[in-house]
Every structure is written in C-alpha cells, then in structure tokens.
C-alpha atoms as a PDB file:
ATOM      1  CA  UNK A   1     -83.800-130.064  41.566  1.00  0.00           C
ATOM      2  CA  UNK A   2     -87.583-129.977  41.664  1.00  0.00           C
ATOM      3  CA  UNK A   3     -89.693-131.684  39.046  1.00  0.00           C
ATOM      4  CA  UNK A   4     -90.639-128.525  37.159  1.00  0.00           C
ATOM      5  CA  UNK A   5     -86.998-127.552  36.799  1.00  0.00           C
ATOM      6  CA  UNK A   6     -86.026-131.023  35.637  1.00  0.00           C
ATOM      7  CA  UNK A   7     -88.806-131.050  33.047  1.00  0.00           C
ATOM      8  CA  UNK A   8     -87.735-127.616  31.833  1.00  0.00           C
ATOM      9  CA  UNK A   9     -84.097-128.723  31.488  1.00  0.00           C
ATOM     10  CA  UNK A  10     -85.003-131.866  29.647  1.00  0.00           C
ATOM     11  CA  UNK A  11     -87.308-129.901  27.341  1.00  0.00           C
ATOM     12  CA  UNK A  12     -84.511-127.459  26.451  1.00  0.00           C
ATOM     13  CA  UNK A  13     -82.290-130.391  25.490  1.00  0.00           C
ATOM     14  CA  UNK A  14     -84.867-131.900  23.227  1.00  0.00           C
ATOM     15  CA  UNK A  15     -85.945-128.601  21.806  1.00  0.00           C
ATOM     16  CA  UNK A  16     -82.536-128.097  20.160  1.00  0.00           C
ATOM     17  CA  UNK A  17     -82.872-131.480  18.449  1.00  0.00           C
ATOM     18  CA  UNK A  18     -86.485-130.749  17.362  1.00  0.00           C
ATOM     19  CA  UNK A  19     -85.446-127.306  16.019  1.00  0.00           C
ATOM     20  CA  UNK A  20     -82.684-128.942  13.927  1.00  0.00           C
ATOM     21  CA  UNK A  21     -85.217-131.460  12.520  1.00  0.00           C
ATOM     22  CA  UNK A  22     -87.624-128.697  11.743  1.00  0.00           C
ATOM     23  CA  UNK A  23     -84.948-126.763   9.888  1.00  0.00           C
ATOM     24  CA  UNK A  24     -84.042-129.746   7.733  1.00  0.00           C
ATOM     25  CA  UNK A  25     -87.734-130.460   6.943  1.00  0.00           C
ATOM     26  CA  UNK A  26     -88.224-126.830   6.040  1.00  0.00           C
ATOM     27  CA  UNK A  27     -85.247-126.932   3.666  1.00  0.00           C
ATOM     28  CA  UNK A  28     -86.423-130.129   2.075  1.00  0.00           C
ATOM     29  CA  UNK A  29     -90.037-128.892   1.879  1.00  0.00           C
ATOM     30  CA  UNK A  30     -88.954-126.601  -0.980  1.00  0.00           C
ATOM     31  CA  UNK A  31     -88.313-129.697  -3.017  1.00  0.00           C
ATOM     32  CA  UNK A  32     -90.890-132.259  -1.951  1.00  0.00           C
ATOM     33  CA  UNK A  33     -94.470-131.951  -0.879  1.00  0.00           C
ATOM     34  CA  UNK A  34     -94.179-134.848   1.579  1.00  0.00           C
ATOM     35  CA  UNK A  35     -91.509-132.934   3.421  1.00  0.00           C
ATOM     36  CA  UNK A  36     -93.718-129.827   3.412  1.00  0.00           C
ATOM     37  CA  UNK A  37     -96.455-131.918   5.118  1.00  0.00           C
ATOM     38  CA  UNK A  38     -94.026-133.292   7.745  1.00  0.00           C
ATOM     39  CA  UNK A  39     -92.672-129.771   8.389  1.00  0.00           C
ATOM     40  CA  UNK A  40     -96.251-128.495   8.917  1.00  0.00           C
ATOM     41  CA  UNK A  41     -97.054-131.175  11.385  1.00  0.00           C
ATOM     42  CA  UNK A  42     -93.846-130.972  13.283  1.00  0.00           C
ATOM     43  CA  UNK A  43     -94.078-127.177  13.556  1.00  0.00           C
ATOM     44  CA  UNK A  44     -97.578-127.442  14.985  1.00  0.00           C
ATOM     45  CA  UNK A  45     -96.454-130.133  17.508  1.00  0.00           C
ATOM     46  CA  UNK A  46     -93.441-128.056  18.489  1.00  0.00           C
ATOM     47  CA  UNK A  47     -95.626-125.012  19.052  1.00  0.00           C
ATOM     48  CA  UNK A  48     -97.907-126.959  21.331  1.00  0.00           C
ATOM     49  CA  UNK A  49     -94.962-128.490  23.265  1.00  0.00           C
ATOM     50  CA  UNK A  50     -93.513-124.954  23.652  1.00  0.00           C
ATOM     51  CA  UNK A  51     -96.827-123.677  25.089  1.00  0.00           C
ATOM     52  CA  UNK A  52     -97.093-126.577  27.413  1.00  0.00           C
ATOM     53  CA  UNK A  53     -93.522-126.152  28.642  1.00  0.00           C
ATOM     54  CA  UNK A  54     -94.185-122.427  29.165  1.00  0.00           C
ATOM     55  CA  UNK A  55     -97.241-123.214  31.292  1.00  0.00           C
ATOM     56  CA  UNK A  56     -95.317-125.861  33.386  1.00  0.00           C
ATOM     57  CA  UNK A  57     -92.281-123.615  33.966  1.00  0.00           C
ATOM     58  CA  UNK A  58     -93.221-119.993  33.262  1.00  0.00           C
ATOM     59  CA  UNK A  59     -90.099-118.548  34.839  1.00  0.00           C
ATOM     60  CA  UNK A  60     -87.554-120.846  33.015  1.00  0.00           C
END
C-alpha cells in the first residue's frame, strides 16, 4: 500500500470518531455556551483536515 492510500485509510478511521465527537458537541451546544465554542472550533478543524485529505488523496 503506498503512503497516500495509507494516509487516506487512517484518515477515514479517525474521521468517524471525530464526526461522533462533533455530533455530541453539537447536541450539548444547545445547552452550554462552552460546548458551542468547542463545536465551532472542532468543526473548523475537521473541515480543514477534510480539505487536506482530499488534496492528498483526491481519488479516495
């Protein structure tokens, strides 16, 4: 397996966990401002990671 495919496979594994954390933060953000701030930061970080992964492995 070449390096790009390995990176893509590992990113997909971690993306599922990050998506679950984002979902929990989003749910909790309805009740607490601190969670709303965490959700906003994590959502921005995930978007940047997704863009980077797409540039590294555009056909994955």
